[in-house]
Amino acid sequence: MRPTSSGWLRVSRVPATVATALDGAWLLVFVLLGRTSHTEGLTLTGVLRTFWPFLVGLVAGWVVARAWRRPAALVPTGLIVWLVCVAVAMALRAISGQGTAGAFIGVALAFVGLGLLGWRALATLVPSGPDHASPDQASSDHETEDGRPRQGGT
């Protein structure tokens, strides 16, 4: 979203490392919940077998969206990351002999979308405050060129 004069609806400054961790953690939650709900067990090899297609999909989504440029942007970053992630994950699951039933694709789209888009949507609601000038710029706004205070409060 575009910045506004009030600071609302401005995409928060979320470092790419934090955004990547949030995305990856959400995918891991999805995998863990899915494996638990289907009584598949939470062995390391089982979790990794289910997780890797989504992780590769996430990386692909980040590359396609160039998400490191605006990692917290809902549109286009979040939207692209979400759709590419799920599409690549489903293709890799099909190639590797894992399930890609229509219901699973729907659940994956919904749950992955909830997380990857959800935190980005919340980030747009957090006021980031006014753009803060550097200390030199801030002081120069209140001083004349020779360093004296401006008259009249400007």
N, C-alpha and C. Protein backbone atom coordinates (compact mmCIF):
# COMPACT_ATOMS: atom_id res chain seq x y z
N MET A 1 0.83 -1.17 0.00
CA MET A 1 0.00 0.00 0.00
C MET A 1 0.88 1.24 0.00
N ARG A 2 0.34 2.29 -0.49
CA ARG A 2 1.09 3.54 -0.55
C ARG A 2 1.07 4.25 0.81
N PRO A 3 2.17 4.93 1.11
CA PRO A 3 2.19 5.68 2.37
C PRO A 3 1.15 6.79 2.34
N THR A 4 0.63 7.12 3.49
CA THR A 4 -0.28 8.23 3.62
C THR A 4 0.35 9.26 4.54
N SER A 5 -0.19 10.45 4.53
CA SER A 5 0.41 11.50 5.35
C SER A 5 0.30 11.21 6.83
N SER A 6 -0.70 10.43 7.24
CA SER A 6 -0.87 10.15 8.66
C SER A 6 0.00 9.00 9.14
N GLY A 7 0.59 8.25 8.23
CA GLY A 7 1.40 7.11 8.63
C GLY A 7 0.60 5.82 8.67
N TRP A 8 -0.72 5.89 8.64
CA TRP A 8 -1.54 4.68 8.62
C TRP A 8 -1.50 4.06 7.25
N LEU A 9 -1.68 2.78 7.17
CA LEU A 9 -1.66 2.01 5.94
C LEU A 9 -0.30 1.99 5.28
N ARG A 10 0.70 2.45 5.97
CA ARG A 10 2.06 2.38 5.46
C ARG A 10 2.62 1.02 5.84
N VAL A 11 3.30 0.39 4.92
CA VAL A 11 3.87 -0.91 5.22
C VAL A 11 4.98 -0.73 6.25
N SER A 12 4.84 -1.46 7.33
CA SER A 12 5.84 -1.38 8.39
C SER A 12 7.20 -1.81 7.87
N ARG A 13 8.20 -1.30 8.51
CA ARG A 13 9.56 -1.71 8.18
C ARG A 13 9.84 -3.04 8.85
N VAL A 14 9.64 -4.12 8.13
CA VAL A 14 9.91 -5.45 8.64
C VAL A 14 11.14 -5.95 7.89
N PRO A 15 12.21 -6.26 8.59
CA PRO A 15 13.40 -6.77 7.89
C PRO A 15 13.09 -8.06 7.15
N ALA A 16 13.77 -8.27 6.05
CA ALA A 16 13.55 -9.47 5.24
C ALA A 16 13.79 -10.74 6.05
N THR A 17 14.76 -10.71 6.96
CA THR A 17 15.03 -11.91 7.77
C THR A 17 13.84 -12.24 8.67
N VAL A 18 13.22 -11.22 9.23
CA VAL A 18 12.05 -11.43 10.08
C VAL A 18 10.88 -11.93 9.24
N ALA A 19 10.67 -11.33 8.08
CA ALA A 19 9.58 -11.74 7.20
C ALA A 19 9.77 -13.19 6.74
N THR A 20 10.99 -13.55 6.41
CA THR A 20 11.28 -14.93 6.00
C THR A 20 10.99 -15.89 7.14
N ALA A 21 11.40 -15.52 8.35
CA ALA A 21 11.15 -16.37 9.51
C ALA A 21 9.66 -16.52 9.78
N LEU A 22 8.90 -15.44 9.65
CA LEU A 22 7.46 -15.50 9.85
C LEU A 22 6.81 -16.43 8.82
N ASP A 23 7.20 -16.27 7.57
CA ASP A 23 6.65 -17.12 6.51
C ASP A 23 7.00 -18.59 6.74
N GLY A 24 8.26 -18.85 7.01
CA GLY A 24 8.70 -20.23 7.22
C GLY A 24 8.07 -20.86 8.44
N ALA A 25 7.94 -20.10 9.52
CA ALA A 25 7.32 -20.61 10.73
C ALA A 25 5.86 -20.96 10.49
N TRP A 26 5.17 -20.12 9.72
CA TRP A 26 3.77 -20.42 9.43
C TRP A 26 3.63 -21.71 8.62
N LEU A 27 4.52 -21.90 7.67
CA LEU A 27 4.48 -23.14 6.88
C LEU A 27 4.76 -24.34 7.77
N LEU A 28 5.67 -24.21 8.70
CA LEU A 28 5.97 -25.31 9.61
C LEU A 28 4.76 -25.61 10.50
N VAL A 29 4.07 -24.58 10.96
CA VAL A 29 2.84 -24.78 11.74
C VAL A 29 1.82 -25.54 10.90
N PHE A 30 1.66 -25.15 9.65
CA PHE A 30 0.73 -25.82 8.74
C PHE A 30 1.07 -27.31 8.62
N VAL A 31 2.34 -27.60 8.42
CA VAL A 31 2.78 -28.99 8.28
C VAL A 31 2.54 -29.76 9.58
N LEU A 32 2.91 -29.18 10.70
CA LEU A 32 2.75 -29.86 11.99
C LEU A 32 1.27 -30.12 12.31
N LEU A 33 0.44 -29.12 12.07
CA LEU A 33 -1.00 -29.31 12.31
C LEU A 33 -1.58 -30.37 11.37
N GLY A 34 -1.17 -30.31 10.12
CA GLY A 34 -1.67 -31.28 9.15
C GLY A 34 -1.27 -32.70 9.50
N ARG A 35 -0.01 -32.89 9.83
CA ARG A 35 0.46 -34.23 10.18
C ARG A 35 -0.22 -34.74 11.45
N THR A 36 -0.42 -33.85 12.41
CA THR A 36 -1.09 -34.24 13.65
C THR A 36 -2.56 -34.60 13.40
N SER A 37 -3.24 -33.77 12.61
CA SER A 37 -4.67 -34.02 12.38
C SER A 37 -4.91 -35.28 11.56
N HIS A 38 -3.93 -35.70 10.79
CA HIS A 38 -4.06 -36.92 9.99
C HIS A 38 -3.34 -38.10 10.65
N THR A 39 -2.98 -37.93 11.89
CA THR A 39 -2.28 -38.95 12.70
C THR A 39 -1.12 -39.59 11.95
N GLU A 40 -0.36 -38.74 11.26
CA GLU A 40 0.82 -39.22 10.53
C GLU A 40 2.06 -39.21 11.40
N GLY A 41 1.99 -38.62 12.55
CA GLY A 41 3.14 -38.59 13.45
C GLY A 41 4.04 -37.42 13.17
N LEU A 42 4.82 -37.09 14.17
CA LEU A 42 5.72 -35.94 14.08
C LEU A 42 7.18 -36.36 14.10
N THR A 43 7.52 -37.39 13.36
CA THR A 43 8.93 -37.77 13.26
C THR A 43 9.65 -36.74 12.41
N LEU A 44 10.92 -36.60 12.64
CA LEU A 44 11.71 -35.63 11.89
C LEU A 44 11.65 -35.90 10.40
N THR A 45 11.82 -37.15 10.00
CA THR A 45 11.79 -37.47 8.57
C THR A 45 10.41 -37.23 7.97
N GLY A 46 9.36 -37.54 8.72
CA GLY A 46 8.01 -37.30 8.22
C GLY A 46 7.72 -35.81 8.05
N VAL A 47 8.11 -35.02 9.04
CA VAL A 47 7.89 -33.58 8.98
C VAL A 47 8.68 -32.99 7.81
N LEU A 48 9.94 -33.39 7.68
CA LEU A 48 10.76 -32.87 6.58
C LEU A 48 10.21 -33.26 5.21
N ARG A 49 9.70 -34.48 5.11
CA ARG A 49 9.12 -34.95 3.83
C ARG A 49 7.92 -34.09 3.44
N THR A 50 7.13 -33.70 4.41
CA THR A 50 5.96 -32.87 4.14
C THR A 50 6.34 -31.41 3.97
N PHE A 51 7.34 -30.96 4.71
CA PHE A 51 7.71 -29.55 4.75
C PHE A 51 8.50 -29.09 3.52
N TRP A 52 9.39 -29.94 2.99
CA TRP A 52 10.31 -29.45 1.96
C TRP A 52 9.62 -28.88 0.72
N PRO A 53 8.52 -29.46 0.21
CA PRO A 53 7.91 -28.83 -0.97
C PRO A 53 7.41 -27.42 -0.69
N PHE A 54 6.91 -27.20 0.51
CA PHE A 54 6.43 -25.86 0.87
C PHE A 54 7.59 -24.89 1.06
N LEU A 55 8.67 -25.37 1.61
CA LEU A 55 9.85 -24.53 1.79
C LEU A 55 10.43 -24.11 0.43
N VAL A 56 10.53 -25.07 -0.48
CA VAL A 56 11.01 -24.75 -1.84
C VAL A 56 10.03 -23.78 -2.50
N GLY A 57 8.74 -24.00 -2.31
CA GLY A 57 7.74 -23.09 -2.85
C GLY A 57 7.86 -21.69 -2.28
N LEU A 58 8.16 -21.61 -0.99
CA LEU A 58 8.35 -20.31 -0.36
C LEU A 58 9.55 -19.59 -0.96
N VAL A 59 10.64 -20.29 -1.12
CA VAL A 59 11.83 -19.68 -1.73
C VAL A 59 11.51 -19.20 -3.14
N ALA A 60 10.81 -20.03 -3.90
CA ALA A 60 10.43 -19.65 -5.27
C ALA A 60 9.54 -18.40 -5.24
N GLY A 61 8.60 -18.37 -4.32
CA GLY A 61 7.73 -17.21 -4.20
C GLY A 61 8.49 -15.94 -3.87
N TRP A 62 9.44 -16.06 -2.96
CA TRP A 62 10.27 -14.90 -2.61
C TRP A 62 11.08 -14.41 -3.80
N VAL A 63 11.60 -15.35 -4.58
CA VAL A 63 12.41 -14.96 -5.74
C VAL A 63 11.52 -14.30 -6.81
N VAL A 64 10.39 -14.91 -7.11
CA VAL A 64 9.50 -14.35 -8.13
C VAL A 64 9.02 -12.96 -7.71
N ALA A 65 8.66 -12.81 -6.45
CA ALA A 65 8.14 -11.52 -5.95
C ALA A 65 9.25 -10.52 -5.63
N ARG A 66 10.50 -11.00 -5.62
CA ARG A 66 11.61 -10.17 -5.14
C ARG A 66 11.23 -9.57 -3.79
N ALA A 67 10.78 -10.47 -2.93
CA ALA A 67 10.18 -10.08 -1.66
C ALA A 67 11.12 -9.34 -0.72
N TRP A 68 12.40 -9.50 -0.89
CA TRP A 68 13.36 -8.82 -0.02
C TRP A 68 13.28 -7.31 -0.19
N ARG A 69 12.69 -6.84 -1.30
CA ARG A 69 12.59 -5.40 -1.54
C ARG A 69 11.51 -4.75 -0.67
N ARG A 70 10.37 -5.43 -0.52
CA ARG A 70 9.27 -4.95 0.33
C ARG A 70 8.63 -6.16 0.99
N PRO A 71 9.33 -6.78 1.92
CA PRO A 71 8.88 -8.07 2.47
C PRO A 71 7.53 -8.03 3.18
N ALA A 72 7.14 -6.90 3.72
CA ALA A 72 5.87 -6.82 4.46
C ALA A 72 4.70 -6.34 3.61
N ALA A 73 4.95 -6.07 2.34
CA ALA A 73 3.87 -5.57 1.48
C ALA A 73 2.86 -6.68 1.20
N LEU A 74 1.60 -6.40 1.46
CA LEU A 74 0.55 -7.37 1.19
C LEU A 74 0.40 -7.60 -0.32
N VAL A 75 0.38 -6.50 -1.07
CA VAL A 75 0.28 -6.54 -2.52
C VAL A 75 1.44 -5.72 -3.07
N PRO A 76 2.21 -6.23 -3.97
CA PRO A 76 2.09 -7.54 -4.61
C PRO A 76 2.85 -8.65 -3.88
N THR A 77 3.76 -8.29 -2.98
CA THR A 77 4.66 -9.29 -2.39
C THR A 77 3.92 -10.48 -1.79
N GLY A 78 3.07 -10.22 -0.82
CA GLY A 78 2.38 -11.32 -0.13
C GLY A 78 1.56 -12.17 -1.06
N LEU A 79 0.85 -11.53 -1.96
CA LEU A 79 0.01 -12.25 -2.91
C LEU A 79 0.83 -13.18 -3.80
N ILE A 80 1.93 -12.67 -4.32
CA ILE A 80 2.79 -13.48 -5.20
C ILE A 80 3.44 -14.61 -4.41
N VAL A 81 4.00 -14.29 -3.25
CA VAL A 81 4.66 -15.32 -2.45
C VAL A 81 3.68 -16.45 -2.13
N TRP A 82 2.48 -16.10 -1.72
CA TRP A 82 1.46 -17.09 -1.36
C TRP A 82 1.12 -18.00 -2.54
N LEU A 83 0.76 -17.41 -3.67
CA LEU A 83 0.31 -18.23 -4.81
C LEU A 83 1.43 -19.06 -5.40
N VAL A 84 2.61 -18.50 -5.52
CA VAL A 84 3.75 -19.26 -6.04
C VAL A 84 4.13 -20.37 -5.07
N CYS A 85 4.14 -20.07 -3.79
CA CYS A 85 4.49 -21.07 -2.77
C CYS A 85 3.58 -22.29 -2.89
N VAL A 86 2.29 -22.08 -2.91
CA VAL A 86 1.36 -23.20 -2.96
C VAL A 86 1.44 -23.92 -4.30
N ALA A 87 1.55 -23.20 -5.40
CA ALA A 87 1.62 -23.84 -6.71
C ALA A 87 2.87 -24.72 -6.83
N VAL A 88 4.01 -24.19 -6.43
CA VAL A 88 5.25 -24.97 -6.50
C VAL A 88 5.18 -26.16 -5.54
N ALA A 89 4.67 -25.93 -4.34
CA ALA A 89 4.56 -27.02 -3.36
C ALA A 89 3.68 -28.14 -3.91
N MET A 90 2.58 -27.81 -4.53
CA MET A 90 1.68 -28.84 -5.08
C MET A 90 2.35 -29.59 -6.23
N ALA A 91 3.07 -28.88 -7.07
CA ALA A 91 3.78 -29.54 -8.18
C ALA A 91 4.84 -30.49 -7.63
N LEU A 92 5.59 -30.04 -6.64
CA LEU A 92 6.63 -30.90 -6.06
C LEU A 92 6.03 -32.08 -5.31
N ARG A 93 4.91 -31.86 -4.64
CA ARG A 93 4.24 -32.98 -3.97
C ARG A 93 3.76 -34.01 -5.00
N ALA A 94 3.24 -33.57 -6.11
CA ALA A 94 2.78 -34.49 -7.15
C ALA A 94 3.96 -35.27 -7.73
N ILE A 95 5.05 -34.58 -8.02
CA ILE A 95 6.24 -35.22 -8.59
C ILE A 95 6.83 -36.24 -7.62
N SER A 96 6.79 -35.92 -6.33
CA SER A 96 7.40 -36.80 -5.32
C SER A 96 6.43 -37.86 -4.78
N GLY A 97 5.25 -37.95 -5.36
CA GLY A 97 4.31 -38.99 -4.96
C GLY A 97 3.52 -38.69 -3.70
N GLN A 98 3.49 -37.43 -3.29
CA GLN A 98 2.70 -37.05 -2.12
C GLN A 98 1.32 -36.59 -2.60
N GLY A 99 0.38 -36.54 -1.70
CA GLY A 99 -1.00 -36.23 -2.07
C GLY A 99 -1.23 -34.80 -2.53
N THR A 100 -2.08 -34.67 -3.54
CA THR A 100 -2.49 -33.35 -4.04
C THR A 100 -3.99 -33.36 -4.33
N ALA A 101 -4.76 -34.00 -3.48
CA ALA A 101 -6.21 -34.04 -3.65
C ALA A 101 -6.77 -32.62 -3.66
N GLY A 102 -7.85 -32.42 -4.34
CA GLY A 102 -8.47 -31.10 -4.43
C GLY A 102 -8.75 -30.47 -3.08
N ALA A 103 -9.23 -31.27 -2.14
CA ALA A 103 -9.50 -30.75 -0.80
C ALA A 103 -8.22 -30.27 -0.13
N PHE A 104 -7.13 -31.02 -0.32
CA PHE A 104 -5.86 -30.62 0.27
C PHE A 104 -5.36 -29.31 -0.34
N ILE A 105 -5.51 -29.18 -1.65
CA ILE A 105 -5.09 -27.93 -2.31
C ILE A 105 -5.89 -26.76 -1.75
N GLY A 106 -7.19 -26.96 -1.58
CA GLY A 106 -8.03 -25.89 -1.01
C GLY A 106 -7.62 -25.52 0.41
N VAL A 107 -7.36 -26.54 1.23
CA VAL A 107 -6.93 -26.28 2.61
C VAL A 107 -5.58 -25.58 2.61
N ALA A 108 -4.67 -26.04 1.76
CA ALA A 108 -3.34 -25.42 1.70
C ALA A 108 -3.45 -23.96 1.26
N LEU A 109 -4.25 -23.70 0.24
CA LEU A 109 -4.43 -22.32 -0.21
C LEU A 109 -4.98 -21.45 0.93
N ALA A 110 -5.98 -21.97 1.63
CA ALA A 110 -6.61 -21.19 2.69
C ALA A 110 -5.66 -20.98 3.87
N PHE A 111 -5.07 -22.04 4.36
CA PHE A 111 -4.25 -21.93 5.57
C PHE A 111 -2.95 -21.18 5.29
N VAL A 112 -2.28 -21.51 4.20
CA VAL A 112 -1.04 -20.81 3.87
C VAL A 112 -1.34 -19.33 3.59
N GLY A 113 -2.43 -19.08 2.88
CA GLY A 113 -2.83 -17.69 2.62
C GLY A 113 -3.12 -16.92 3.89
N LEU A 114 -3.80 -17.58 4.83
CA LEU A 114 -4.11 -16.93 6.11
C LEU A 114 -2.84 -16.43 6.79
N GLY A 115 -1.82 -17.26 6.79
CA GLY A 115 -0.58 -16.86 7.47
C GLY A 115 0.26 -15.90 6.67
N LEU A 116 0.53 -16.23 5.40
CA LEU A 116 1.43 -15.39 4.61
C LEU A 116 0.82 -14.02 4.30
N LEU A 117 -0.48 -13.99 4.14
CA LEU A 117 -1.14 -12.70 3.91
C LEU A 117 -1.54 -12.04 5.23
N GLY A 118 -1.86 -12.86 6.22
CA GLY A 118 -2.37 -12.34 7.48
C GLY A 118 -1.41 -11.42 8.21
N TRP A 119 -0.16 -11.86 8.39
CA TRP A 119 0.77 -11.00 9.13
C TRP A 119 1.08 -9.74 8.33
N ARG A 120 1.07 -9.87 6.99
CA ARG A 120 1.32 -8.68 6.17
C ARG A 120 0.15 -7.70 6.27
N ALA A 121 -1.06 -8.21 6.31
CA ALA A 121 -2.23 -7.34 6.47
C ALA A 121 -2.17 -6.63 7.81
N LEU A 122 -1.81 -7.36 8.85
CA LEU A 122 -1.68 -6.74 10.17
C LEU A 122 -0.59 -5.67 10.17
N ALA A 123 0.48 -5.91 9.44
CA ALA A 123 1.58 -4.94 9.38
C ALA A 123 1.13 -3.63 8.75
N THR A 124 0.16 -3.69 7.84
CA THR A 124 -0.33 -2.45 7.22
C THR A 124 -1.20 -1.65 8.18
N LEU A 125 -1.73 -2.30 9.22
CA LEU A 125 -2.59 -1.61 10.17
C LEU A 125 -1.82 -0.95 11.29
N VAL A 126 -0.58 -1.32 11.46
CA VAL A 126 0.24 -0.76 12.52
C VAL A 126 0.80 0.57 12.04
N PRO A 127 0.49 1.64 12.76
CA PRO A 127 1.03 2.93 12.33
C PRO A 127 2.54 2.93 12.48
N SER A 128 3.22 3.30 11.43
CA SER A 128 4.67 3.32 11.50
C SER A 128 5.17 4.68 11.95
N GLY A 129 4.25 5.60 12.17
CA GLY A 129 4.63 6.93 12.63
C GLY A 129 5.14 7.77 11.48
N PRO A 130 5.44 9.01 11.78
CA PRO A 130 5.95 9.89 10.74
C PRO A 130 7.34 9.45 10.32
N ASP A 131 7.68 9.81 9.10
CA ASP A 131 9.04 9.54 8.67
C ASP A 131 9.98 10.35 9.54
N HIS A 132 10.93 9.68 10.13
CA HIS A 132 11.85 10.36 11.03
C HIS A 132 13.08 10.79 10.25
N ALA A 133 13.37 12.07 10.33
CA ALA A 133 14.57 12.60 9.70
C ALA A 133 15.77 12.25 10.56
N SER A 134 16.93 12.27 9.95
CA SER A 134 18.14 12.04 10.73
C SER A 134 18.30 13.20 11.70
N PRO A 135 19.07 13.02 12.77
CA PRO A 135 19.24 14.11 13.74
C PRO A 135 19.71 15.41 13.09
N ASP A 136 20.58 15.33 12.10
CA ASP A 136 21.06 16.53 11.43
C ASP A 136 19.92 17.22 10.68
N GLN A 137 19.08 16.41 9.99
CA GLN A 137 17.98 17.00 9.24
C GLN A 137 16.94 17.57 10.19
N ALA A 138 16.67 16.87 11.28
CA ALA A 138 15.66 17.33 12.23
C ALA A 138 16.07 18.67 12.83
N SER A 139 17.34 18.81 13.20
CA SER A 139 17.77 20.06 13.79
C SER A 139 17.80 21.17 12.75
N SER A 140 18.10 20.86 11.50
CA SER A 140 18.17 21.89 10.48
C SER A 140 16.78 22.42 10.15
N ASP A 141 15.72 21.63 10.46
CA ASP A 141 14.37 22.11 10.23
C ASP A 141 14.02 23.25 11.18
N HIS A 142 14.73 23.35 12.28
CA HIS A 142 14.44 24.36 13.28
C HIS A 142 15.53 25.41 13.39
N GLU A 143 16.52 25.33 12.51
CA GLU A 143 17.63 26.27 12.57
C GLU A 143 17.85 26.90 11.20
N THR A 144 18.46 28.08 11.20
CA THR A 144 18.86 28.71 9.95
C THR A 144 20.15 28.05 9.48
N GLU A 145 20.62 28.43 8.31
CA GLU A 145 21.83 27.81 7.76
C GLU A 145 23.05 27.99 8.65
N ASP A 146 23.10 29.08 9.42
CA ASP A 146 24.27 29.30 10.28
C ASP A 146 24.07 28.71 11.68
N GLY A 147 23.01 27.91 11.90
CA GLY A 147 22.83 27.21 13.16
C GLY A 147 21.99 27.94 14.20
N ARG A 148 21.55 29.16 13.88
CA ARG A 148 20.71 29.91 14.83
C ARG A 148 19.27 29.41 14.75
N PRO A 149 18.54 29.46 15.87
CA PRO A 149 17.13 29.05 15.86
C PRO A 149 16.31 29.93 14.93
N ARG A 150 15.38 29.29 14.21
CA ARG A 150 14.47 30.07 13.35
C ARG A 150 13.54 30.89 14.22
N GLN A 151 13.15 32.04 13.73
CA GLN A 151 12.22 32.92 14.44
C GLN A 151 10.78 32.54 14.08
N GLY A 152 9.86 32.71 14.98
CA GLY A 152 8.45 32.50 14.69
C GLY A 152 8.03 31.04 14.75
N GLY A 153 8.84 30.16 15.33
CA GLY A 153 8.44 28.77 15.53
C GLY A 153 8.47 27.93 14.28
N THR A 154 9.07 28.41 13.21
CA THR A 154 9.12 27.59 11.99
C THR A 154 10.48 27.06 11.74
